[in-house]
Amino acid sequence: MIAPSTTALAAERPNPELKRTLDLVERPRETHDVCQKYLKTTEAARYLHRSVSWLLRCGAIPYVPDRPNLYSIHDLDDWFESHKHIPRS
């Protein structure tokens, strides 16, 4: 039997932190539908793969002020798309 390669093992084990964040975004909630459209500060930071302190200092992403702040998934996606780097060939 041939031993599986390291990359094959890595592909089988997804990043648990990313999985938890995606579960937060995708899981159905019992509360009002609007809860599915917003993430708390820590969830939004994980969604963007940034730190909470970076997100709080950033100031470029709109949010609903609260404790914790609420970030629209649509706004987070828009910010991400506008800050993508497209390499020249």
N, C-alpha and C. Protein backbone atom coordinates (compact mmCIF):
# COMPACT_ATOMS: atom_id res chain seq x y z
N MET A 1 0.84 -1.18 0.00
CA MET A 1 0.00 0.00 0.00
C MET A 1 0.89 1.25 0.00
N ILE A 2 0.53 2.22 -0.80
CA ILE A 2 1.30 3.45 -0.91
C ILE A 2 0.76 4.45 0.12
N ALA A 3 1.70 5.09 0.84
CA ALA A 3 1.30 6.08 1.84
C ALA A 3 0.79 7.34 1.15
N PRO A 4 -0.28 7.95 1.67
CA PRO A 4 -0.79 9.18 1.05
C PRO A 4 0.19 10.33 1.23
N SER A 5 0.22 11.19 0.26
CA SER A 5 1.14 12.34 0.33
C SER A 5 0.63 13.35 1.35
N THR A 6 1.52 14.25 1.75
CA THR A 6 1.18 15.28 2.72
C THR A 6 0.10 16.20 2.18
N THR A 7 0.19 16.55 0.90
CA THR A 7 -0.82 17.44 0.31
C THR A 7 -2.18 16.77 0.24
N ALA A 8 -2.21 15.47 0.02
CA ALA A 8 -3.48 14.76 0.00
C ALA A 8 -4.10 14.75 1.39
N LEU A 9 -3.27 14.59 2.42
CA LEU A 9 -3.79 14.63 3.79
C LEU A 9 -4.29 16.01 4.15
N ALA A 10 -3.58 17.04 3.72
CA ALA A 10 -4.00 18.41 4.00
C ALA A 10 -5.32 18.72 3.31
N ALA A 11 -5.52 18.19 2.13
CA ALA A 11 -6.76 18.44 1.40
C ALA A 11 -7.94 17.76 2.09
N GLU A 12 -7.68 16.64 2.77
CA GLU A 12 -8.75 15.93 3.46
C GLU A 12 -9.13 16.62 4.77
N ARG A 13 -8.23 17.38 5.36
CA ARG A 13 -8.50 18.04 6.63
C ARG A 13 -8.70 19.54 6.40
N PRO A 14 -9.93 19.99 6.29
CA PRO A 14 -10.16 21.42 6.07
C PRO A 14 -9.78 22.24 7.31
N ASN A 15 -9.52 23.49 7.10
CA ASN A 15 -9.17 24.41 8.17
C ASN A 15 -10.36 24.52 9.12
N PRO A 16 -10.22 24.10 10.39
CA PRO A 16 -11.36 24.12 11.31
C PRO A 16 -11.87 25.53 11.59
N GLU A 17 -10.97 26.51 11.62
CA GLU A 17 -11.39 27.90 11.87
C GLU A 17 -12.28 28.39 10.74
N LEU A 18 -11.90 28.13 9.49
CA LEU A 18 -12.71 28.53 8.34
C LEU A 18 -14.03 27.79 8.34
N LYS A 19 -14.02 26.51 8.69
CA LYS A 19 -15.25 25.73 8.73
C LYS A 19 -16.22 26.32 9.74
N ARG A 20 -15.73 26.72 10.93
CA ARG A 20 -16.60 27.32 11.94
C ARG A 20 -17.20 28.62 11.44
N THR A 21 -16.41 29.43 10.75
CA THR A 21 -16.92 30.69 10.22
C THR A 21 -17.97 30.44 9.15
N LEU A 22 -17.70 29.50 8.25
CA LEU A 22 -18.69 29.20 7.21
C LEU A 22 -19.95 28.61 7.81
N ASP A 23 -19.81 27.81 8.87
CA ASP A 23 -20.99 27.27 9.55
C ASP A 23 -21.82 28.40 10.13
N LEU A 24 -21.16 29.43 10.67
CA LEU A 24 -21.89 30.56 11.22
C LEU A 24 -22.68 31.29 10.14
N VAL A 25 -22.08 31.40 8.96
CA VAL A 25 -22.73 32.11 7.87
C VAL A 25 -23.86 31.28 7.26
N GLU A 26 -23.63 29.97 7.11
CA GLU A 26 -24.57 29.14 6.37
C GLU A 26 -25.66 28.50 7.22
N ARG A 27 -25.46 28.38 8.52
CA ARG A 27 -26.44 27.64 9.32
C ARG A 27 -27.74 28.42 9.47
N PRO A 28 -28.86 27.73 9.45
CA PRO A 28 -30.13 28.42 9.65
C PRO A 28 -30.26 28.83 11.11
N ARG A 29 -30.91 29.95 11.33
CA ARG A 29 -31.12 30.43 12.69
C ARG A 29 -32.61 30.46 12.99
N GLU A 30 -32.93 30.28 14.25
CA GLU A 30 -34.33 30.29 14.64
C GLU A 30 -34.89 31.70 14.72
N THR A 31 -34.03 32.69 14.87
CA THR A 31 -34.49 34.06 15.02
C THR A 31 -34.82 34.68 13.68
N HIS A 32 -35.12 35.93 13.68
CA HIS A 32 -35.55 36.66 12.48
C HIS A 32 -34.54 36.52 11.35
N ASP A 33 -35.01 36.54 10.13
CA ASP A 33 -34.19 36.34 8.93
C ASP A 33 -33.04 37.33 8.84
N VAL A 34 -33.18 38.53 9.40
CA VAL A 34 -32.14 39.55 9.29
C VAL A 34 -30.84 39.10 9.98
N CYS A 35 -30.92 38.20 10.95
CA CYS A 35 -29.72 37.71 11.64
C CYS A 35 -28.79 36.97 10.70
N GLN A 36 -29.31 36.39 9.64
CA GLN A 36 -28.47 35.66 8.71
C GLN A 36 -27.65 36.60 7.83
N LYS A 37 -28.00 37.85 7.76
CA LYS A 37 -27.31 38.79 6.88
C LYS A 37 -26.18 39.53 7.57
N TYR A 38 -26.06 39.42 8.89
CA TYR A 38 -25.08 40.18 9.64
C TYR A 38 -24.18 39.26 10.46
N LEU A 39 -22.93 39.69 10.63
CA LEU A 39 -21.97 38.97 11.46
C LEU A 39 -21.51 39.90 12.58
N LYS A 40 -21.24 39.32 13.74
CA LYS A 40 -20.66 40.09 14.83
C LYS A 40 -19.21 40.40 14.48
N THR A 41 -18.59 41.28 15.25
CA THR A 41 -17.23 41.72 14.97
C THR A 41 -16.25 40.55 14.84
N THR A 42 -16.26 39.63 15.79
CA THR A 42 -15.32 38.51 15.74
C THR A 42 -15.60 37.60 14.54
N GLU A 43 -16.88 37.40 14.22
CA GLU A 43 -17.23 36.57 13.07
C GLU A 43 -16.81 37.25 11.77
N ALA A 44 -17.01 38.56 11.68
CA ALA A 44 -16.63 39.30 10.48
C ALA A 44 -15.11 39.29 10.28
N ALA A 45 -14.36 39.41 11.37
CA ALA A 45 -12.90 39.37 11.27
C ALA A 45 -12.45 38.00 10.77
N ARG A 46 -13.04 36.93 11.30
CA ARG A 46 -12.70 35.58 10.83
C ARG A 46 -13.09 35.40 9.37
N TYR A 47 -14.23 35.95 8.97
CA TYR A 47 -14.71 35.84 7.60
C TYR A 47 -13.71 36.45 6.62
N LEU A 48 -13.08 37.57 7.02
CA LEU A 48 -12.10 38.25 6.17
C LEU A 48 -10.66 37.76 6.41
N HIS A 49 -10.47 36.83 7.33
CA HIS A 49 -9.14 36.35 7.71
C HIS A 49 -8.27 37.50 8.21
N ARG A 50 -8.85 38.34 9.04
CA ARG A 50 -8.15 39.47 9.65
C ARG A 50 -8.35 39.41 11.16
N SER A 51 -7.62 40.24 11.88
CA SER A 51 -7.79 40.29 13.33
C SER A 51 -8.94 41.24 13.68
N VAL A 52 -9.47 41.08 14.88
CA VAL A 52 -10.54 41.95 15.35
C VAL A 52 -10.03 43.38 15.43
N SER A 53 -8.80 43.56 15.94
CA SER A 53 -8.25 44.92 16.06
C SER A 53 -8.11 45.58 14.70
N TRP A 54 -7.71 44.82 13.68
CA TRP A 54 -7.61 45.37 12.33
C TRP A 54 -8.98 45.83 11.84
N LEU A 55 -9.98 45.01 12.06
CA LEU A 55 -11.33 45.34 11.60
C LEU A 55 -11.86 46.60 12.29
N LEU A 56 -11.60 46.72 13.58
CA LEU A 56 -12.07 47.90 14.32
C LEU A 56 -11.33 49.17 13.90
N ARG A 57 -10.05 49.05 13.54
CA ARG A 57 -9.27 50.21 13.09
C ARG A 57 -9.53 50.57 11.64
N CYS A 58 -9.92 49.60 10.84
CA CYS A 58 -10.04 49.76 9.40
C CYS A 58 -10.90 50.96 9.01
N GLY A 59 -12.11 51.00 9.45
CA GLY A 59 -12.98 52.13 9.17
C GLY A 59 -13.52 52.19 7.75
N ALA A 60 -13.10 51.30 6.86
CA ALA A 60 -13.55 51.33 5.47
C ALA A 60 -14.76 50.45 5.22
N ILE A 61 -15.11 49.62 6.19
CA ILE A 61 -16.22 48.70 6.02
C ILE A 61 -17.39 49.20 6.87
N PRO A 62 -18.53 49.45 6.24
CA PRO A 62 -19.69 49.95 7.00
C PRO A 62 -20.16 48.91 8.02
N TYR A 63 -20.69 49.40 9.14
CA TYR A 63 -21.21 48.51 10.17
C TYR A 63 -22.34 49.19 10.93
N VAL A 64 -23.10 48.38 11.64
CA VAL A 64 -24.15 48.89 12.52
C VAL A 64 -23.53 48.96 13.91
N PRO A 65 -23.41 50.17 14.48
CA PRO A 65 -22.77 50.27 15.79
C PRO A 65 -23.63 49.60 16.86
N ASP A 66 -23.01 48.76 17.61
CA ASP A 66 -23.68 48.03 18.68
C ASP A 66 -22.58 47.41 19.52
N ARG A 67 -22.93 46.61 20.47
CA ARG A 67 -21.94 45.87 21.24
C ARG A 67 -22.27 44.41 21.13
N PRO A 68 -21.67 43.64 20.27
CA PRO A 68 -20.63 43.99 19.30
C PRO A 68 -21.23 44.61 18.04
N ASN A 69 -20.37 45.26 17.26
CA ASN A 69 -20.81 45.84 15.98
C ASN A 69 -21.33 44.73 15.08
N LEU A 70 -22.21 45.09 14.16
CA LEU A 70 -22.74 44.12 13.21
C LEU A 70 -22.31 44.52 11.80
N TYR A 71 -21.79 43.54 11.06
CA TYR A 71 -21.30 43.78 9.71
C TYR A 71 -22.14 42.98 8.72
N SER A 72 -22.58 43.63 7.66
CA SER A 72 -23.34 42.97 6.61
C SER A 72 -22.41 42.08 5.80
N ILE A 73 -22.84 40.85 5.56
CA ILE A 73 -22.04 39.93 4.74
C ILE A 73 -21.86 40.51 3.34
N HIS A 74 -22.88 41.18 2.84
CA HIS A 74 -22.80 41.81 1.51
C HIS A 74 -21.70 42.88 1.50
N ASP A 75 -21.63 43.71 2.55
CA ASP A 75 -20.60 44.75 2.63
C ASP A 75 -19.20 44.14 2.76
N LEU A 76 -19.08 43.06 3.51
CA LEU A 76 -17.78 42.39 3.64
C LEU A 76 -17.33 41.82 2.30
N ASP A 77 -18.27 41.21 1.57
CA ASP A 77 -17.94 40.68 0.24
C ASP A 77 -17.56 41.79 -0.73
N ASP A 78 -18.29 42.91 -0.69
CA ASP A 78 -17.97 44.05 -1.55
C ASP A 78 -16.58 44.60 -1.25
N TRP A 79 -16.25 44.73 0.05
CA TRP A 79 -14.93 45.23 0.42
C TRP A 79 -13.85 44.27 -0.10
N PHE A 80 -14.07 42.98 0.08
CA PHE A 80 -13.09 41.99 -0.36
C PHE A 80 -12.88 42.08 -1.87
N GLU A 81 -13.96 42.16 -2.63
CA GLU A 81 -13.87 42.23 -4.09
C GLU A 81 -13.14 43.50 -4.54
N SER A 82 -13.37 44.61 -3.86
CA SER A 82 -12.72 45.86 -4.27
C SER A 82 -11.25 45.92 -3.87
N HIS A 83 -10.80 45.03 -3.00
CA HIS A 83 -9.40 45.04 -2.56
C HIS A 83 -8.61 43.84 -3.06
N LYS A 84 -9.16 43.12 -4.02
CA LYS A 84 -8.42 42.00 -4.59
C LYS A 84 -7.28 42.52 -5.46
N HIS A 85 -6.17 41.83 -5.41
CA HIS A 85 -5.02 42.17 -6.24
C HIS A 85 -5.03 41.23 -7.45
N ILE A 86 -5.06 41.81 -8.63
CA ILE A 86 -5.03 41.02 -9.86
C ILE A 86 -3.66 41.22 -10.50
N PRO A 87 -2.83 40.18 -10.47
CA PRO A 87 -1.49 40.33 -11.03
C PRO A 87 -1.50 40.52 -12.54
N ARG A 88 -0.58 41.30 -12.98
CA ARG A 88 -0.43 41.49 -14.44
C ARG A 88 0.36 40.35 -15.01
N SER A 89 0.02 39.94 -16.22
CA SER A 89 0.78 38.85 -16.83
C SER A 89 1.82 39.35 -17.80
